[in-house]
Amino acid sequence: MLSRILGTFAIAGVVLTGCAITPAGEMYLVASQSTTTLCNDHGTATGAKLLAIEAELGARGTLQCTSYYGTKTYVGERTSSTVGKRVYGRSASPSSLVVDDKNCSDFATPAEAQRFFLAAGGPLSDPHGLDRDGDGNACEWGKTLSSSAKRYKPKPVRATSYRAYTSSSRCYVGPRGGTYTITASGRKNYGGC
């Protein structure tokens, strides 16, 4: 009940102040949506909403989505480029004022750690010290993003090589004594000599 009340106040605070919705507010909104709705929103979401959708999809075990329109997206498609890169400043140690401090080992999966991290103020703030390198990914969530990107990224289509045949005016003699030329497509033309 307390989390529902706090979530309501967080959403009301966002509406009253007119500021953009924070990742914590997005986490609250995203958690109540169906996986189908999240998959449809994933391809166009940006900012805090994208981070929240990816963490929720990861916690649900859905790393690849197909939207209503047949568009395929995957978790980490647009966010895996920040893995391991310091994007957010971090203090040397997490705040000692945090009540019920959490560690990575407190979560069953990296996605659950990422959801908690975003709900606790991440990626801008990291009071629990779950994102020490400042890349915006708690615990091992960055490895999940990178792994998903490697697995689901469409492979480039290789161009098929064709042997280029050139037309030749040279006459050849066949095994039975007939003459022919080679056409541009590489076929024998028996009426060309």
Protein backbone atom coordinates (compact mmCIF):
# COMPACT_ATOMS: atom_id res chain seq x y z
CA MET A 1 0.00 0.00 0.00
CA LEU A 2 2.83 2.36 0.89
CA SER A 3 4.47 1.87 -2.51
CA ARG A 4 1.16 2.64 -4.24
CA ILE A 5 0.81 5.86 -2.22
CA LEU A 6 4.42 6.86 -2.90
CA GLY A 7 3.99 6.07 -6.59
CA THR A 8 0.86 8.23 -6.70
CA PHE A 9 2.73 11.12 -5.07
CA ALA A 10 5.62 10.69 -7.49
CA ILE A 11 3.26 10.87 -10.47
CA ALA A 12 1.32 13.77 -8.97
CA GLY A 13 4.60 15.62 -8.35
CA VAL A 14 5.55 15.18 -11.98
CA VAL A 15 2.18 16.45 -13.17
CA LEU A 16 2.18 19.42 -10.81
CA THR A 17 5.72 20.55 -11.53
CA GLY A 18 5.37 20.12 -15.29
CA CYS A 19 8.82 18.52 -15.50
CA ALA A 20 9.65 15.56 -17.64
CA ILE A 21 8.82 12.22 -16.09
CA THR A 22 11.77 10.73 -14.23
CA PRO A 23 12.90 7.12 -14.63
CA ALA A 24 11.27 6.40 -11.24
CA GLY A 25 7.94 7.73 -12.53
CA GLU A 26 8.35 5.81 -15.78
CA MET A 27 9.10 2.60 -13.88
CA TYR A 28 5.82 3.00 -12.01
CA LEU A 29 3.87 3.59 -15.24
CA VAL A 30 5.61 0.86 -17.25
CA ALA A 31 5.22 -1.89 -14.64
CA SER A 32 1.44 -1.91 -15.09
CA GLN A 33 1.53 -2.26 -18.90
CA SER A 34 1.28 -5.51 -20.83
CA THR A 35 4.31 -6.96 -22.58
CA THR A 36 2.61 -6.37 -25.95
CA THR A 37 2.14 -2.68 -25.15
CA LEU A 38 5.75 -2.38 -24.00
CA CYS A 39 6.97 -4.04 -27.20
CA ASN A 40 4.93 -1.62 -29.30
CA ASP A 41 6.32 1.38 -27.40
CA HIS A 42 9.91 0.11 -27.34
CA GLY A 43 10.73 1.06 -30.92
CA THR A 44 9.78 4.73 -30.48
CA ALA A 45 10.48 5.38 -26.78
CA THR A 46 13.32 7.66 -25.78
CA GLY A 47 15.01 8.83 -22.60
CA ALA A 48 13.65 7.66 -19.25
CA LYS A 49 10.79 5.78 -20.88
CA LEU A 50 13.16 3.72 -23.04
CA LEU A 51 15.29 2.82 -20.00
CA ALA A 52 12.20 1.83 -18.01
CA ILE A 53 10.72 -0.25 -20.85
CA GLU A 54 13.97 -2.13 -21.40
CA ALA A 55 14.41 -2.89 -17.70
CA GLU A 56 10.81 -4.12 -17.46
CA LEU A 57 11.07 -6.24 -20.60
CA GLY A 58 14.33 -7.72 -19.31
CA ALA A 59 12.74 -8.55 -15.95
CA ARG A 60 9.94 -10.31 -17.84
CA GLY A 61 12.48 -12.28 -19.89
CA THR A 62 11.58 -10.61 -23.18
CA LEU A 63 14.71 -9.38 -24.94
CA GLN A 64 13.26 -9.25 -28.47
CA CYS A 65 9.92 -7.78 -29.54
CA THR A 66 7.78 -7.66 -32.63
CA SER A 67 5.36 -4.72 -32.77
CA TYR A 68 1.83 -4.73 -34.19
CA TYR A 69 3.32 -3.60 -37.49
CA GLY A 70 5.86 -6.43 -37.68
CA THR A 71 8.83 -4.24 -36.73
CA LYS A 72 11.42 -6.17 -34.72
CA THR A 73 13.31 -4.47 -31.90
CA TYR A 74 15.53 -5.82 -29.16
CA VAL A 75 16.61 -4.73 -25.70
CA GLY A 76 19.92 -2.89 -26.03
CA GLU A 77 19.33 -1.84 -29.64
CA ARG A 78 19.81 1.83 -28.80
CA THR A 79 21.23 1.66 -25.28
CA SER A 80 24.07 -0.88 -25.46
CA SER A 81 26.48 1.73 -26.87
CA THR A 82 26.85 3.29 -23.39
CA VAL A 83 27.90 0.05 -21.68
CA GLY A 84 31.22 0.58 -19.92
CA LYS A 85 31.40 4.30 -20.85
CA ARG A 86 31.25 6.83 -18.02
CA VAL A 87 28.16 8.90 -18.78
CA TYR A 88 27.08 9.88 -15.26
CA GLY A 89 29.27 11.19 -12.45
CA ARG A 90 29.50 8.96 -9.40
CA SER A 91 30.85 9.69 -5.94
CA ALA A 92 33.53 7.42 -4.53
CA SER A 93 31.09 5.74 -2.17
CA PRO A 94 27.31 5.54 -1.98
CA SER A 95 25.46 7.68 0.53
CA SER A 96 25.68 6.38 4.07
CA LEU A 97 22.21 7.83 4.71
CA VAL A 98 20.47 5.19 2.56
CA VAL A 99 18.07 3.10 4.59
CA ASP A 100 18.01 -0.60 3.62
CA ASP A 101 21.02 -0.31 1.31
CA LYS A 102 20.94 -2.77 -1.63
CA ASN A 103 23.75 -4.66 -3.32
CA CYS A 104 23.80 -6.47 -6.66
CA SER A 105 23.59 -9.79 -4.84
CA ASP A 106 20.20 -8.76 -3.43
CA PHE A 107 18.58 -9.17 -6.86
CA ALA A 108 17.70 -12.37 -8.68
CA THR A 109 18.55 -10.94 -12.12
CA PRO A 110 20.39 -7.93 -13.55
CA ALA A 111 17.06 -6.69 -14.98
CA GLU A 112 15.52 -6.58 -11.52
CA ALA A 113 18.57 -4.65 -10.28
CA GLN A 114 18.14 -2.19 -13.18
CA ARG A 115 14.44 -1.72 -12.38
CA PHE A 116 15.29 -0.97 -8.75
CA PHE A 117 18.16 1.31 -9.79
CA LEU A 118 15.87 3.39 -12.03
CA ALA A 119 13.12 3.52 -9.39
CA ALA A 120 15.69 4.72 -6.82
CA GLY A 121 16.72 7.71 -8.96
CA GLY A 122 19.07 6.19 -11.52
CA PRO A 123 20.75 6.82 -13.82
CA LEU A 124 21.35 10.39 -12.60
CA SER A 125 21.58 9.35 -8.96
CA ASP A 126 23.01 6.14 -7.51
CA PRO A 127 22.44 6.16 -3.75
CA HIS A 128 22.93 2.38 -3.46
CA GLY A 129 26.15 2.20 -5.48
CA LEU A 130 24.75 -0.21 -8.08
CA ASP A 131 26.35 1.65 -11.02
CA ARG A 132 29.87 2.43 -9.88
CA ASP A 133 31.25 2.95 -13.39
CA GLY A 134 28.59 5.56 -14.24
CA ASP A 135 27.38 4.01 -17.51
CA GLY A 136 23.73 4.07 -16.39
CA ASN A 137 23.50 0.29 -16.05
CA ALA A 138 23.19 -1.33 -12.65
CA CYS A 139 25.10 -4.49 -11.74
CA GLU A 140 25.43 -6.78 -14.79
CA TRP A 141 22.61 -5.16 -16.79
CA GLY A 142 25.15 -3.75 -19.25
CA LYS A 143 26.32 -7.28 -20.09
CA THR A 144 22.71 -8.26 -20.74
CA LEU A 145 22.31 -5.29 -23.12
CA SER A 146 25.53 -6.13 -24.98
CA SER A 147 24.65 -9.80 -25.23
CA SER A 148 21.17 -8.98 -26.55
CA ALA A 149 22.61 -6.58 -29.12
CA LYS A 150 25.03 -9.23 -30.38
CA ARG A 151 22.34 -11.89 -30.50
CA TYR A 152 19.48 -9.98 -32.13
CA LYS A 153 21.20 -7.34 -34.27
CA PRO A 154 20.32 -8.08 -37.89
CA LYS A 155 23.23 -9.52 -39.80
CA PRO A 156 24.30 -7.56 -42.87
CA VAL A 157 23.19 -9.10 -46.14
CA ARG A 158 26.14 -10.17 -48.22
CA ALA A 159 26.09 -9.23 -51.85
CA THR A 160 26.15 -12.27 -54.07
CA SER A 161 29.11 -12.18 -56.36
CA TYR A 162 28.43 -12.78 -60.01
CA ARG A 163 30.98 -13.68 -62.61
CA ALA A 164 31.05 -10.94 -65.14
CA TYR A 165 31.00 -12.22 -68.69
CA THR A 166 32.01 -10.02 -71.51
CA SER A 167 30.95 -10.41 -75.06
CA SER A 168 33.74 -11.68 -77.23
CA SER A 169 34.09 -11.56 -80.98
CA ARG A 170 36.56 -14.39 -80.81
CA CYS A 171 35.44 -17.57 -82.56
CA TYR A 172 35.91 -20.88 -80.81
CA VAL A 173 35.85 -24.35 -82.35
CA GLY A 174 33.71 -26.92 -80.54
CA PRO A 175 34.54 -30.65 -80.11
CA ARG A 176 32.54 -31.57 -83.21
CA GLY A 177 34.00 -28.87 -85.38
CA GLY A 178 31.26 -26.22 -84.95
CA THR A 179 32.19 -22.62 -84.26
CA TYR A 180 30.73 -20.33 -81.61
CA THR A 181 31.29 -17.07 -79.69
CA ILE A 182 30.68 -16.38 -75.99
CA THR A 183 27.76 -14.02 -75.25
CA ALA A 184 27.67 -11.40 -72.49
CA SER A 185 25.73 -13.84 -70.29
CA GLY A 186 28.41 -16.51 -70.73
CA ARG A 187 26.48 -18.75 -73.10
CA LYS A 188 27.71 -20.17 -76.37
CA ASN A 189 26.32 -18.55 -79.53
CA TYR A 190 26.69 -20.96 -82.45
CA GLY A 191 25.50 -18.45 -85.03
CA GLY A 192 27.97 -15.72 -84.18
CA CYS A 193 31.03 -16.62 -86.33
